[in-house]
Amino acid sequence: MADVFALAAAGIVFLWGVSHVIPTRQVVAGFGDISDDNRRIITMEWVAEGLSFMFVAVLIVAVTWSGETLEAAEDLVYRVSSGFLVAIGVWTAMTGARTGVIWFKACPVVMSVSAGLLIAASLI
């Protein structure tokens, strides 16, 4: 029964993430006439939140369906998390890193290094 509850929660959260991403263009347009940098940042953050919801759902499903030992589940979490960090890094490189904000420019590097460390941890 725990698996049913976990998978139901994952389904709800995933759909919420998708429904969060779909209206991004309309949400950004709702801010009116704003600079390109502000448009990129709002777009980046809005989509990143939706992707975060979807990631949580994928992680729940992966761990629930794996049926693996604790160590194997750890490796799975590390690898799935690594993939998410790469996705967020790429997304930030396409949006926020194109602004003048230094933190957004550093984010893809930070995400890539962290993803690499997680992959290494899963292989040790």
PDB file of N, CA and C in Angstrom:
ATOM      1  N   MET A   1       0.820  -1.196   0.000  1.00  0.00           N
ATOM      2  CA  MET A   1       0.000   0.000   0.000  1.00  0.00           C
ATOM      3  C   MET A   1       0.866   1.263   0.000  1.00  0.00           C
ATOM      4  N   ALA A   2       2.034   1.179   0.632  1.00  0.00           N
ATOM      5  CA  ALA A   2       2.933   2.338   0.655  1.00  0.00           C
ATOM      6  C   ALA A   2       3.351   2.707  -0.765  1.00  0.00           C
ATOM      7  N   ASP A   3       3.602   1.682  -1.606  1.00  0.00           N
ATOM      8  CA  ASP A   3       3.982   1.954  -2.995  1.00  0.00           C
ATOM      9  C   ASP A   3       2.867   2.679  -3.744  1.00  0.00           C
ATOM     10  N   VAL A   4       1.631   2.275  -3.499  1.00  0.00           N
ATOM     11  CA  VAL A   4       0.492   2.916  -4.159  1.00  0.00           C
ATOM     12  C   VAL A   4       0.424   4.391  -3.773  1.00  0.00           C
ATOM     13  N   PHE A   5       0.556   4.675  -2.486  1.00  0.00           N
ATOM     14  CA  PHE A   5       0.530   6.067  -2.027  1.00  0.00           C
ATOM     15  C   PHE A   5       1.690   6.863  -2.624  1.00  0.00           C
ATOM     16  N   ALA A   6       2.881   6.259  -2.624  1.00  0.00           N
ATOM     17  CA  ALA A   6       4.066   6.943  -3.151  1.00  0.00           C
ATOM     18  C   ALA A   6       3.902   7.230  -4.644  1.00  0.00           C
ATOM     19  N   LEU A   7       3.419   6.252  -5.395  1.00  0.00           N
ATOM     20  CA  LEU A   7       3.255   6.438  -6.836  1.00  0.00           C
ATOM     21  C   LEU A   7       2.128   7.418  -7.149  1.00  0.00           C
ATOM     22  N   ALA A   8       1.076   7.416  -6.338  1.00  0.00           N
ATOM     23  CA  ALA A   8       0.005   8.406  -6.514  1.00  0.00           C
ATOM     24  C   ALA A   8       0.548   9.815  -6.283  1.00  0.00           C
ATOM     25  N   ALA A   9       1.333   9.967  -5.234  1.00  0.00           N
ATOM     26  CA  ALA A   9       1.946  11.271  -4.957  1.00  0.00           C
ATOM     27  C   ALA A   9       2.854  11.683  -6.111  1.00  0.00           C
ATOM     28  N   ALA A  10       3.634  10.737  -6.625  1.00  0.00           N
ATOM     29  CA  ALA A  10       4.535  11.029  -7.742  1.00  0.00           C
ATOM     30  C   ALA A  10       3.742  11.481  -8.970  1.00  0.00           C
ATOM     31  N   GLY A  11       2.649  10.803  -9.245  1.00  0.00           N
ATOM     32  CA  GLY A  11       1.815  11.180 -10.392  1.00  0.00           C
ATOM     33  C   GLY A  11       1.250  12.577 -10.256  1.00  0.00           C
ATOM     34  N   ILE A  12       0.756  12.889  -9.074  1.00  0.00           N
ATOM     35  CA  ILE A  12       0.203  14.220  -8.822  1.00  0.00           C
ATOM     36  C   ILE A  12       1.278  15.288  -8.981  1.00  0.00           C
ATOM     37  N   VAL A  13       2.428  15.062  -8.359  1.00  0.00           N
ATOM     38  CA  VAL A  13       3.515  16.049  -8.402  1.00  0.00           C
ATOM     39  C   VAL A  13       4.041  16.207  -9.829  1.00  0.00           C
ATOM     40  N   PHE A  14       4.161  15.105 -10.580  1.00  0.00           N
ATOM     41  CA  PHE A  14       4.641  15.203 -11.957  1.00  0.00           C
ATOM     42  C   PHE A  14       3.671  16.023 -12.805  1.00  0.00           C
ATOM     43  N   LEU A  15       2.385  15.726 -12.694  1.00  0.00           N
ATOM     44  CA  LEU A  15       1.392  16.482 -13.462  1.00  0.00           C
ATOM     45  C   LEU A  15       1.381  17.956 -13.071  1.00  0.00           C
ATOM     46  N   TRP A  16       1.587  18.231 -11.789  1.00  0.00           N
ATOM     47  CA  TRP A  16       1.657  19.620 -11.341  1.00  0.00           C
ATOM     48  C   TRP A  16       2.868  20.306 -11.974  1.00  0.00           C
ATOM     49  N   GLY A  17       3.976  19.601 -12.069  1.00  0.00           N
ATOM     50  CA  GLY A  17       5.163  20.164 -12.715  1.00  0.00           C
ATOM     51  C   GLY A  17       4.916  20.463 -14.182  1.00  0.00           C
ATOM     52  N   VAL A  18       4.297  19.521 -14.887  1.00  0.00           N
ATOM     53  CA  VAL A  18       3.982  19.727 -16.303  1.00  0.00           C
ATOM     54  C   VAL A  18       3.033  20.909 -16.461  1.00  0.00           C
ATOM     55  N   SER A  19       1.998  20.957 -15.609  1.00  0.00           N
ATOM     56  CA  SER A  19       1.032  22.052 -15.712  1.00  0.00           C
ATOM     57  C   SER A  19       1.649  23.389 -15.309  1.00  0.00           C
ATOM     58  N   HIS A  20       2.736  23.342 -14.605  1.00  0.00           N
ATOM     59  CA  HIS A  20       3.464  24.557 -14.230  1.00  0.00           C
ATOM     60  C   HIS A  20       4.260  25.079 -15.427  1.00  0.00           C
ATOM     61  N   VAL A  21       4.847  24.179 -16.203  1.00  0.00           N
ATOM     62  CA  VAL A  21       5.708  24.559 -17.328  1.00  0.00           C
ATOM     63  C   VAL A  21       4.889  25.027 -18.536  1.00  0.00           C
ATOM     64  N   ILE A  22       3.771  24.381 -18.801  1.00  0.00           N
ATOM     65  CA  ILE A  22       2.996  24.662 -20.017  1.00  0.00           C
ATOM     66  C   ILE A  22       2.647  26.148 -20.183  1.00  0.00           C
ATOM     67  N   PRO A  23       2.147  26.850 -19.157  1.00  0.00           N
ATOM     68  CA  PRO A  23       1.754  28.249 -19.370  1.00  0.00           C
ATOM     69  C   PRO A  23       2.885  29.266 -19.183  1.00  0.00           C
ATOM     70  N   THR A  24       4.131  28.832 -19.262  1.00  0.00           N
ATOM     71  CA  THR A  24       5.255  29.735 -18.982  1.00  0.00           C
ATOM     72  C   THR A  24       5.190  31.015 -19.811  1.00  0.00           C
ATOM     73  N   ARG A  25       4.940  30.887 -21.073  1.00  0.00           N
ATOM     74  CA  ARG A  25       4.902  32.067 -21.956  1.00  0.00           C
ATOM     75  C   ARG A  25       3.849  33.075 -21.477  1.00  0.00           C
ATOM     76  N   GLN A  26       2.665  32.569 -21.091  1.00  0.00           N
ATOM     77  CA  GLN A  26       1.604  33.460 -20.625  1.00  0.00           C
ATOM     78  C   GLN A  26       1.962  34.097 -19.285  1.00  0.00           C
ATOM     79  N   VAL A  27       2.602  33.325 -18.417  1.00  0.00           N
ATOM     80  CA  VAL A  27       3.008  33.858 -17.113  1.00  0.00           C
ATOM     81  C   VAL A  27       3.998  34.997 -17.302  1.00  0.00           C
ATOM     82  N   VAL A  28       4.998  34.788 -18.134  1.00  0.00           N
ATOM     83  CA  VAL A  28       6.009  35.824 -18.374  1.00  0.00           C
ATOM     84  C   VAL A  28       5.364  37.045 -19.026  1.00  0.00           C
ATOM     85  N   ALA A  29       4.468  36.822 -19.976  1.00  0.00           N
ATOM     86  CA  ALA A  29       3.781  37.941 -20.635  1.00  0.00           C
ATOM     87  C   ALA A  29       2.969  38.754 -19.630  1.00  0.00           C
ATOM     88  N   GLY A  30       2.484  38.098 -18.580  1.00  0.00           N
ATOM     89  CA  GLY A  30       1.712  38.783 -17.548  1.00  0.00           C
ATOM     90  C   GLY A  30       2.510  39.837 -16.792  1.00  0.00           C
ATOM     91  N   PHE A  31       3.823  39.788 -16.895  1.00  0.00           N
ATOM     92  CA  PHE A  31       4.660  40.793 -16.241  1.00  0.00           C
ATOM     93  C   PHE A  31       4.766  42.069 -17.066  1.00  0.00           C
ATOM     94  N   GLY A  32       4.169  42.067 -18.254  1.00  0.00           N
ATOM     95  CA  GLY A  32       4.162  43.272 -19.081  1.00  0.00           C
ATOM     96  C   GLY A  32       5.483  43.515 -19.773  1.00  0.00           C
ATOM     97  N   ASP A  33       5.744  44.788 -20.027  1.00  0.00           N
ATOM     98  CA  ASP A  33       6.952  45.191 -20.747  1.00  0.00           C
ATOM     99  C   ASP A  33       8.134  45.202 -19.781  1.00  0.00           C
ATOM    100  N   ILE A  34       8.958  44.156 -19.852  1.00  0.00           N
ATOM    101  CA  ILE A  34      10.132  44.046 -18.979  1.00  0.00           C
ATOM    102  C   ILE A  34      11.370  43.829 -19.841  1.00  0.00           C
ATOM    103  N   SER A  35      12.520  44.025 -19.259  1.00  0.00           N
ATOM    104  CA  SER A  35      13.771  43.855 -20.005  1.00  0.00           C
ATOM    105  C   SER A  35      13.969  42.389 -20.400  1.00  0.00           C
ATOM    106  N   ASP A  36      14.817  42.174 -21.404  1.00  0.00           N
ATOM    107  CA  ASP A  36      15.126  40.800 -21.823  1.00  0.00           C
ATOM    108  C   ASP A  36      15.727  39.993 -20.674  1.00  0.00           C
ATOM    109  N   ASP A  37      16.610  40.618 -19.885  1.00  0.00           N
ATOM    110  CA  ASP A  37      17.212  39.916 -18.745  1.00  0.00           C
ATOM    111  C   ASP A  37      16.149  39.478 -17.749  1.00  0.00           C
ATOM    112  N   ASN A  38      15.223  40.370 -17.421  1.00  0.00           N
ATOM    113  CA  ASN A  38      14.161  40.006 -16.476  1.00  0.00           C
ATOM    114  C   ASN A  38      13.265  38.915 -17.052  1.00  0.00           C
ATOM    115  N   ARG A  39      12.987  38.988 -18.354  1.00  0.00           N
ATOM    116  CA  ARG A  39      12.177  37.951 -18.999  1.00  0.00           C
ATOM    117  C   ARG A  39      12.881  36.601 -18.906  1.00  0.00           C
ATOM    118  N   ARG A  40      14.180  36.583 -19.160  1.00  0.00           N
ATOM    119  CA  ARG A  40      14.947  35.328 -19.079  1.00  0.00           C
ATOM    120  C   ARG A  40      14.949  34.764 -17.657  1.00  0.00           C
ATOM    121  N   ILE A  41      15.132  35.640 -16.686  1.00  0.00           N
ATOM    122  CA  ILE A  41      15.189  35.180 -15.293  1.00  0.00           C
ATOM    123  C   ILE A  41      13.843  34.631 -14.844  1.00  0.00           C
ATOM    124  N   ILE A  42      12.758  35.337 -15.170  1.00  0.00           N
ATOM    125  CA  ILE A  42      11.425  34.842 -14.792  1.00  0.00           C
ATOM    126  C   ILE A  42      11.154  33.508 -15.483  1.00  0.00           C
ATOM    127  N   THR A  43      11.486  33.417 -16.762  1.00  0.00           N
ATOM    128  CA  THR A  43      11.298  32.159 -17.494  1.00  0.00           C
ATOM    129  C   THR A  43      12.112  31.041 -16.856  1.00  0.00           C
ATOM    130  N   MET A  44      13.371  31.330 -16.570  1.00  0.00           N
ATOM    131  CA  MET A  44      14.255  30.327 -15.974  1.00  0.00           C
ATOM    132  C   MET A  44      13.683  29.813 -14.656  1.00  0.00           C
ATOM    133  N   GLU A  45      13.294  30.717 -13.789  1.00  0.00           N
ATOM    134  CA  GLU A  45      12.818  30.316 -12.467  1.00  0.00           C
ATOM    135  C   GLU A  45      11.480  29.587 -12.540  1.00  0.00           C
ATOM    136  N   TRP A  46      10.587  30.032 -13.403  1.00  0.00           N
ATOM    137  CA  TRP A  46       9.273  29.400 -13.519  1.00  0.00           C
ATOM    138  C   TRP A  46       9.411  27.961 -14.016  1.00  0.00           C
ATOM    139  N   VAL A  47      10.205  27.768 -15.058  1.00  0.00           N
ATOM    140  CA  VAL A  47      10.405  26.425 -15.607  1.00  0.00           C
ATOM    141  C   VAL A  47      11.196  25.558 -14.630  1.00  0.00           C
ATOM    142  N   ALA A  48      12.196  26.138 -13.973  1.00  0.00           N
ATOM    143  CA  ALA A  48      12.989  25.366 -13.007  1.00  0.00           C
ATOM    144  C   ALA A  48      12.108  24.819 -11.885  1.00  0.00           C
ATOM    145  N   GLU A  49      11.130  25.603 -11.460  1.00  0.00           N
ATOM    146  CA  GLU A  49      10.225  25.107 -10.415  1.00  0.00           C
ATOM    147  C   GLU A  49       9.420  23.918 -10.932  1.00  0.00           C
ATOM    148  N   GLY A  50       8.905  24.014 -12.144  1.00  0.00           N
ATOM    149  CA  GLY A  50       8.172  22.893 -12.726  1.00  0.00           C
ATOM    150  C   GLY A  50       9.049  21.663 -12.892  1.00  0.00           C
ATOM    151  N   LEU A  51      10.290  21.872 -13.352  1.00  0.00           N
ATOM    152  CA  LEU A  51      11.225  20.752 -13.492  1.00  0.00           C
ATOM    153  C   LEU A  51      11.551  20.124 -12.143  1.00  0.00           C
ATOM    154  N   SER A  52      11.626  20.936 -11.123  1.00  0.00           N
ATOM    155  CA  SER A  52      11.890  20.409  -9.773  1.00  0.00           C
ATOM    156  C   SER A  52      10.766  19.489  -9.322  1.00  0.00           C
ATOM    157  N   PHE A  53       9.523  19.883  -9.588  1.00  0.00           N
ATOM    158  CA  PHE A  53       8.392  19.019  -9.242  1.00  0.00           C
ATOM    159  C   PHE A  53       8.495  17.696  -9.991  1.00  0.00           C
ATOM    160  N   MET A  54       8.796  17.770 -11.284  1.00  0.00           N
ATOM    161  CA  MET A  54       8.900  16.553 -12.086  1.00  0.00           C
ATOM    162  C   MET A  54      10.054  15.673 -11.609  1.00  0.00           C
ATOM    163  N   PHE A  55      11.167  16.289 -11.224  1.00  0.00           N
ATOM    164  CA  PHE A  55      12.303  15.521 -10.716  1.00  0.00           C
ATOM    165  C   PHE A  55      11.924  14.748  -9.458  1.00  0.00           C
ATOM    166  N   VAL A  56      11.240  15.398  -8.539  1.00  0.00           N
ATOM    167  CA  VAL A  56      10.824  14.713  -7.309  1.00  0.00           C
ATOM    168  C   VAL A  56       9.973  13.499  -7.669  1.00  0.00           C
ATOM    169  N   ALA A  57       9.076  13.660  -8.620  1.00  0.00           N
ATOM    170  CA  ALA A  57       8.225  12.542  -9.033  1.00  0.00           C
ATOM    171  C   ALA A  57       9.048  11.407  -9.635  1.00  0.00           C
ATOM    172  N   VAL A  58       9.983  11.739 -10.506  1.00  0.00           N
ATOM    173  CA  VAL A  58      10.832  10.717 -11.135  1.00  0.00           C
ATOM    174  C   VAL A  58      11.661   9.988 -10.081  1.00  0.00           C
ATOM    175  N   LEU A  59      12.192  10.725  -9.134  1.00  0.00           N
ATOM    176  CA  LEU A  59      12.989  10.113  -8.071  1.00  0.00           C
ATOM    177  C   LEU A  59      12.139   9.156  -7.232  1.00  0.00           C
ATOM    178  N   ILE A  60      10.920   9.561  -6.902  1.00  0.00           N
ATOM    179  CA  ILE A  60      10.015   8.698  -6.132  1.00  0.00           C
ATOM    180  C   ILE A  60       9.742   7.408  -6.901  1.00  0.00           C
ATOM    181  N   VAL A  61       9.416   7.529  -8.172  1.00  0.00           N
ATOM    182  CA  VAL A  61       9.123   6.352  -8.993  1.00  0.00           C
ATOM    183  C   VAL A  61      10.356   5.456  -9.106  1.00  0.00           C
ATOM    184  N   ALA A  62      11.504   6.049  -9.358  1.00  0.00           N
ATOM    185  CA  ALA A  62      12.732   5.259  -9.520  1.00  0.00           C
ATOM    186  C   ALA A  62      13.053   4.462  -8.265  1.00  0.00           C
ATOM    187  N   VAL A  63      12.968   5.103  -7.123  1.00  0.00           N
ATOM    188  CA  VAL A  63      13.287   4.415  -5.866  1.00  0.00           C
ATOM    189  C   VAL A  63      12.214   3.379  -5.533  1.00  0.00           C
ATOM    190  N   THR A  64      10.942   3.715  -5.777  1.00  0.00           N
ATOM    191  CA  THR A  64       9.843   2.792  -5.471  1.00  0.00           C
ATOM    192  C   THR A  64       9.917   1.547  -6.343  1.00  0.00           C
ATOM    193  N   TRP A  65      10.170   1.717  -7.616  1.00  0.00           N
ATOM    194  CA  TRP A  65      10.190   0.589  -8.545  1.00  0.00           C
ATOM    195  C   TRP A  65      11.494  -0.186  -8.533  1.00  0.00           C
ATOM    196  N   SER A  66      12.537   0.392  -7.995  1.00  0.00           N
ATOM    197  CA  SER A  66      13.839  -0.282  -8.065  1.00  0.00           C
ATOM    198  C   SER A  66      13.855  -1.574  -7.255  1.00  0.00           C
ATOM    199  N   GLY A  67      13.227  -1.570  -6.089  1.00  0.00           N
ATOM    200  CA  GLY A  67      13.226  -2.751  -5.245  1.00  0.00           C
ATOM    201  C   GLY A  67      14.617  -3.199  -4.852  1.00  0.00           C
ATOM    202  N   GLU A  68      15.553  -2.294  -4.895  1.00  0.00           N
ATOM    203  CA  GLU A  68      16.948  -2.620  -4.637  1.00  0.00           C
ATOM    204  C   GLU A  68      17.306  -2.467  -3.162  1.00  0.00           C
ATOM    205  N   THR A  69      18.514  -2.881  -2.851  1.00  0.00           N
ATOM    206  CA  THR A  69      19.052  -2.703  -1.509  1.00  0.00           C
ATOM    207  C   THR A  69      19.286  -1.219  -1.261  1.00  0.00           C
ATOM    208  N   LEU A  70      19.585  -0.880  -0.029  1.00  0.00           N
ATOM    209  CA  LEU A  70      19.830   0.517   0.321  1.00  0.00           C
ATOM    210  C   LEU A  70      20.989   1.086  -0.488  1.00  0.00           C
ATOM    211  N   GLU A  71      22.059   0.317  -0.645  1.00  0.00           N
ATOM    212  CA  GLU A  71      23.222   0.806  -1.393  1.00  0.00           C
ATOM    213  C   GLU A  71      22.871   1.055  -2.858  1.00  0.00           C
ATOM    214  N   ALA A  72      22.115   0.145  -3.460  1.00  0.00           N
ATOM    215  CA  ALA A  72      21.709   0.317  -4.855  1.00  0.00           C
ATOM    216  C   ALA A  72      20.764   1.504  -4.992  1.00  0.00           C
ATOM    217  N   ALA A  73      19.891   1.684  -4.009  1.00  0.00           N
ATOM    218  CA  ALA A  73      18.985   2.832  -4.031  1.00  0.00           C
ATOM    219  C   ALA A  73      19.769   4.137  -3.923  1.00  0.00           C
ATOM    220  N   GLU A  74      20.813   4.139  -3.100  1.00  0.00           N
ATOM    221  CA  GLU A  74      21.684   5.325  -2.999  1.00  0.00           C
ATOM    222  C   GLU A  74      22.278   5.656  -4.358  1.00  0.00           C
ATOM    223  N   ASP A  75      22.827   4.654  -5.029  1.00  0.00           N
ATOM    224  CA  ASP A  75      23.424   4.868  -6.349  1.00  0.00           C
ATOM    225  C   ASP A  75      22.394   5.417  -7.330  1.00  0.00           C
ATOM    226  N   LEU A  76      21.178   4.883  -7.267  1.00  0.00           N
ATOM    227  CA  LEU A  76      20.105   5.344  -8.140  1.00  0.00           C
ATOM    228  C   LEU A  76      19.785   6.811  -7.869  1.00  0.00           C
ATOM    229  N   VAL A  77      19.674   7.171  -6.605  1.00  0.00           N
ATOM    230  CA  VAL A  77      19.399   8.563  -6.238  1.00  0.00           C
ATOM    231  C   VAL A  77      20.530   9.466  -6.721  1.00  0.00           C
ATOM    232  N   TYR A  78      21.770   9.040  -6.547  1.00  0.00           N
ATOM    233  CA  TYR A  78      22.910   9.839  -7.005  1.00  0.00           C
ATOM    234  C   TYR A  78      22.842  10.064  -8.516  1.00  0.00           C
ATOM    235  N   ARG A  79      22.542   9.017  -9.262  1.00  0.00           N
ATOM    236  CA  ARG A  79      22.539   9.118 -10.728  1.00  0.00           C
ATOM    237  C   ARG A  79      21.367   9.955 -11.239  1.00  0.00           C
ATOM    238  N   VAL A  80      20.186   9.730 -10.675  1.00  0.00           N
ATOM    239  CA  VAL A  80      19.024  10.517 -11.095  1.00  0.00           C
ATOM    240  C   VAL A  80      19.223  11.984 -10.721  1.00  0.00           C
ATOM    241  N   SER A  81      19.753  12.228  -9.534  1.00  0.00           N
ATOM    242  CA  SER A  81      20.026  13.601  -9.104  1.00  0.00           C
ATOM    243  C   SER A  81      21.063  14.258 -10.005  1.00  0.00           C
ATOM    244  N   SER A  82      22.059  13.505 -10.407  1.00  0.00           N
ATOM    245  CA  SER A  82      23.079  14.022 -11.313  1.00  0.00           C
ATOM    246  C   SER A  82      22.448  14.464 -12.631  1.00  0.00           C
ATOM    247  N   GLY A  83      21.580  13.649 -13.161  1.00  0.00           N
ATOM    248  CA  GLY A  83      20.883  14.006 -14.400  1.00  0.00           C
ATOM    249  C   GLY A  83      20.071  15.276 -14.252  1.00  0.00           C
ATOM    250  N   PHE A  84      19.417  15.411 -13.110  1.00  0.00           N
ATOM    251  CA  PHE A  84      18.633  16.623 -12.852  1.00  0.00           C
ATOM    252  C   PHE A  84      19.537  17.849 -12.773  1.00  0.00           C
ATOM    253  N   LEU A  85      20.665  17.717 -12.095  1.00  0.00           N
ATOM    254  CA  LEU A  85      21.588  18.850 -11.983  1.00  0.00           C
ATOM    255  C   LEU A  85      22.117  19.271 -13.352  1.00  0.00           C
ATOM    256  N   VAL A  86      22.400  18.307 -14.208  1.00  0.00           N
ATOM    257  CA  VAL A  86      22.841  18.631 -15.568  1.00  0.00           C
ATOM    258  C   VAL A  86      21.721  19.368 -16.311  1.00  0.00           C
ATOM    259  N   ALA A  87      20.493  18.875 -16.182  1.00  0.00           N
ATOM    260  CA  ALA A  87      19.356  19.525 -16.853  1.00  0.00           C
ATOM    261  C   ALA A  87      19.183  20.967 -16.376  1.00  0.00           C
ATOM    262  N   ILE A  88      19.271  21.182 -15.068  1.00  0.00           N
ATOM    263  CA  ILE A  88      19.137  22.543 -14.531  1.00  0.00           C
ATOM    264  C   ILE A  88      20.309  23.405 -14.992  1.00  0.00           C
ATOM    265  N   GLY A  89      21.505  22.834 -15.029  1.00  0.00           N
ATOM    266  CA  GLY A  89      22.667  23.582 -15.511  1.00  0.00           C
ATOM    267  C   GLY A  89      22.509  24.010 -16.960  1.00  0.00           C
ATOM    268  N   VAL A  90      22.038  23.102 -17.807  1.00  0.00           N
ATOM    269  CA  VAL A  90      21.810  23.425 -19.216  1.00  0.00           C
ATOM    270  C   VAL A  90      20.718  24.485 -19.339  1.00  0.00           C
ATOM    271  N   TRP A  91      19.641  24.312 -18.590  1.00  0.00           N
ATOM    272  CA  TRP A  91      18.539  25.278 -18.627  1.00  0.00           C
ATOM    273  C   TRP A  91      19.023  26.666 -18.200  1.00  0.00           C
ATOM    274  N   THR A  92      19.811  26.725 -17.152  1.00  0.00           N
ATOM    275  CA  THR A  92      20.341  28.005 -16.683  1.00  0.00           C
ATOM    276  C   THR A  92      21.283  28.613 -17.719  1.00  0.00           C
ATOM    277  N   ALA A  93      22.087  27.784 -18.367  1.00  0.00           N
ATOM    278  CA  ALA A  93      22.991  28.286 -19.410  1.00  0.00           C
ATOM    279  C   ALA A  93      22.206  28.908 -20.569  1.00  0.00           C
ATOM    280  N   MET A  94      21.039  28.358 -20.854  1.00  0.00           N
ATOM    281  CA  MET A  94      20.216  28.859 -21.952  1.00  0.00           C
ATOM    282  C   MET A  94      19.422  30.103 -21.577  1.00  0.00           C
ATOM    283  N   THR A  95      19.260  30.364 -20.296  1.00  0.00           N
ATOM    284  CA  THR A  95      18.398  31.473 -19.864  1.00  0.00           C
ATOM    285  C   THR A  95      19.165  32.457 -18.994  1.00  0.00           C
ATOM    286  N   GLY A  96      19.236  32.201 -17.718  1.00  0.00           N
ATOM    287  CA  GLY A  96      19.817  33.145 -16.758  1.00  0.00           C
ATOM    288  C   GLY A  96      21.267  33.486 -17.008  1.00  0.00           C
ATOM    289  N   ALA A  97      22.046  32.534 -17.510  1.00  0.00           N
ATOM    290  CA  ALA A  97      23.468  32.794 -17.750  1.00  0.00           C
ATOM    291  C   ALA A  97      23.677  33.781 -18.890  1.00  0.00           C
ATOM    292  N   ARG A  98      22.631  34.059 -19.638  1.00  0.00           N
ATOM    293  CA  ARG A  98      22.714  35.049 -20.718  1.00  0.00           C
ATOM    294  C   ARG A  98      22.466  36.463 -20.198  1.00  0.00           C
ATOM    295  N   THR A  99      22.235  36.596 -18.904  1.00  0.00           N
ATOM    296  CA  THR A  99      22.066  37.912 -18.286  1.00  0.00           C
ATOM    297  C   THR A  99      23.409  38.354 -17.718  1.00  0.00           C
ATOM    298  N   GLY A 100      23.414  39.515 -17.109  1.00  0.00           N
ATOM    299  CA  GLY A 100      24.637  40.026 -16.510  1.00  0.00           C
ATOM    300  C   GLY A 100      24.872  39.546 -15.089  1.00  0.00           C
ATOM    301  N   VAL A 101      23.996  38.698 -14.571  1.00  0.00           N
ATOM    302  CA  VAL A 101      24.084  38.251 -13.179  1.00  0.00           C
ATOM    303  C   VAL A 101      25.127  37.140 -13.067  1.00  0.00           C
ATOM    304  N   ILE A 102      26.189  37.403 -12.320  1.00  0.00           N
ATOM    305  CA  ILE A 102      27.324  36.475 -12.215  1.00  0.00           C
ATOM    306  C   ILE A 102      26.913  35.121 -11.636  1.00  0.00           C
ATOM    307  N   TRP A 103      25.979  35.112 -10.684  1.00  0.00           N
ATOM    308  CA  TRP A 103      25.568  33.846 -10.055  1.00  0.00           C
ATOM    309  C   TRP A 103      24.937  32.910 -11.070  1.00  0.00           C
ATOM    310  N   PHE A 104      24.182  33.467 -12.014  1.00  0.00           N
ATOM    311  CA  PHE A 104      23.574  32.634 -13.049  1.00  0.00           C
ATOM    312  C   PHE A 104      24.630  32.094 -14.008  1.00  0.00           C
ATOM    313  N   LYS A 105      25.686  32.849 -14.226  1.00  0.00           N
ATOM    314  CA  LYS A 105      26.780  32.391 -15.088  1.00  0.00           C
ATOM    315  C   LYS A 105      27.565  31.252 -14.419  1.00  0.00           C
ATOM    316  N   ALA A 106      27.676  31.298 -13.100  1.00  0.00           N
ATOM    317  CA  ALA A 106      28.409  30.267 -12.356  1.00  0.00           C
ATOM    318  C   ALA A 106      27.594  28.984 -12.198  1.00  0.00           C
ATOM    319  N   CYS A 107      26.285  29.089 -12.218  1.00  0.00           N
ATOM    320  CA  CYS A 107      25.409  27.949 -11.934  1.00  0.00           C
ATOM    321  C   CYS A 107      25.690  26.722 -12.807  1.00  0.00           C
ATOM    322  N   PRO A 108      25.812  26.847 -14.137  1.00  0.00           N
ATOM    323  CA  PRO A 108      26.075  25.641 -14.933  1.00  0.00           C
ATOM    324  C   PRO A 108      27.362  24.922 -14.530  1.00  0.00           C
ATOM    325  N   VAL A 109      28.377  25.680 -14.144  1.00  0.00           N
ATOM    326  CA  VAL A 109      29.640  25.072 -13.710  1.00  0.00           C
ATOM    327  C   VAL A 109      29.435  24.339 -12.387  1.00  0.00           C
ATOM    328  N   VAL A 110      28.771  25.000 -11.448  1.00  0.00           N
ATOM    329  CA  VAL A 110      28.509  24.394 -10.135  1.00  0.00           C
ATOM    330  C   VAL A 110      27.683  23.120 -10.295  1.00  0.00           C
ATOM    331  N   MET A 111      26.652  23.161 -11.141  1.00  0.00           N
ATOM    332  CA  MET A 111      25.800  21.992 -11.356  1.00  0.00           C
ATOM    333  C   MET A 111      26.589  20.861 -12.011  1.00  0.00           C
ATOM    334  N   SER A 112      27.448  21.189 -12.974  1.00  0.00           N
ATOM    335  CA  SER A 112      28.250  20.167 -13.661  1.00  0.00           C
ATOM    336  C   SER A 112      29.235  19.487 -12.721  1.00  0.00           C
ATOM    337  N   VAL A 113      29.917  20.273 -11.908  1.00  0.00           N
ATOM    338  CA  VAL A 113      30.870  19.704 -10.943  1.00  0.00           C
ATOM    339  C   VAL A 113      30.135  18.796  -9.960  1.00  0.00           C
ATOM    340  N   SER A 114      29.004  19.273  -9.446  1.00  0.00           N
ATOM    341  CA  SER A 114      28.224  18.476  -8.491  1.00  0.00           C
ATOM    342  C   SER A 114      27.724  17.188  -9.135  1.00  0.00           C
ATOM    343  N   ALA A 115      27.253  17.279 -10.375  1.00  0.00           N
ATOM    344  CA  ALA A 115      26.778  16.087 -11.087  1.00  0.00           C
ATOM    345  C   ALA A 115      27.912  15.084 -11.266  1.00  0.00           C
ATOM    346  N   GLY A 116      29.080  15.573 -11.624  1.00  0.00           N
ATOM    347  CA  GLY A 116      30.239  14.690 -11.777  1.00  0.00           C
ATOM    348  C   GLY A 116      30.609  13.992 -10.485  1.00  0.00           C
ATOM    349  N   LEU A 117      30.560  14.734  -9.390  1.00  0.00           N
ATOM    350  CA  LEU A 117      30.862  14.136  -8.083  1.00  0.00           C
ATOM    351  C   LEU A 117      29.845  13.059  -7.719  1.00  0.00           C
ATOM    352  N   LEU A 118      28.567  13.295  -8.037  1.00  0.00           N
ATOM    353  CA  LEU A 118      27.537  12.292  -7.742  1.00  0.00           C
ATOM    354  C   LEU A 118      27.735  11.028  -8.583  1.00  0.00           C
ATOM    355  N   ILE A 119      28.084  11.198  -9.847  1.00  0.00           N
ATOM    356  CA  ILE A 119      28.352  10.023 -10.691  1.00  0.00           C
ATOM    357  C   ILE A 119      29.543   9.253 -10.129  1.00  0.00           C
ATOM    358  N   ALA A 120      30.598   9.974  -9.761  1.00  0.00           N
ATOM    359  CA  ALA A 120      31.775   9.317  -9.171  1.00  0.00           C
ATOM    360  C   ALA A 120      31.389   8.567  -7.903  1.00  0.00           C
ATOM    361  N   ALA A 121      30.578   9.201  -7.060  1.00  0.00           N
ATOM    362  CA  ALA A 121      30.146   8.556  -5.812  1.00  0.00           C
ATOM    363  C   ALA A 121      29.354   7.283  -6.092  1.00  0.00           C
ATOM    364  N   SER A 122      28.570   7.280  -7.164  1.00  0.00           N
ATOM    365  CA  SER A 122      27.756   6.096  -7.474  1.00  0.00           C
ATOM    366  C   SER A 122      28.593   4.951  -8.037  1.00  0.00           C
ATOM    367  N   LEU A 123      29.795   5.257  -8.494  1.00  0.00           N
ATOM    368  CA  LEU A 123      30.656   4.228  -9.084  1.00  0.00           C
ATOM    369  C   LEU A 123      31.668   3.649  -8.102  1.00  0.00           C
ATOM    370  N   ILE A 124      31.805   4.279  -6.959  1.00  0.00           N
ATOM    371  CA  ILE A 124      32.793   3.828  -5.963  1.00  0.00           C
ATOM    372  C   ILE A 124      32.209   2.705  -5.129  1.00  0.00           C
TER     373      ILE A 124
END
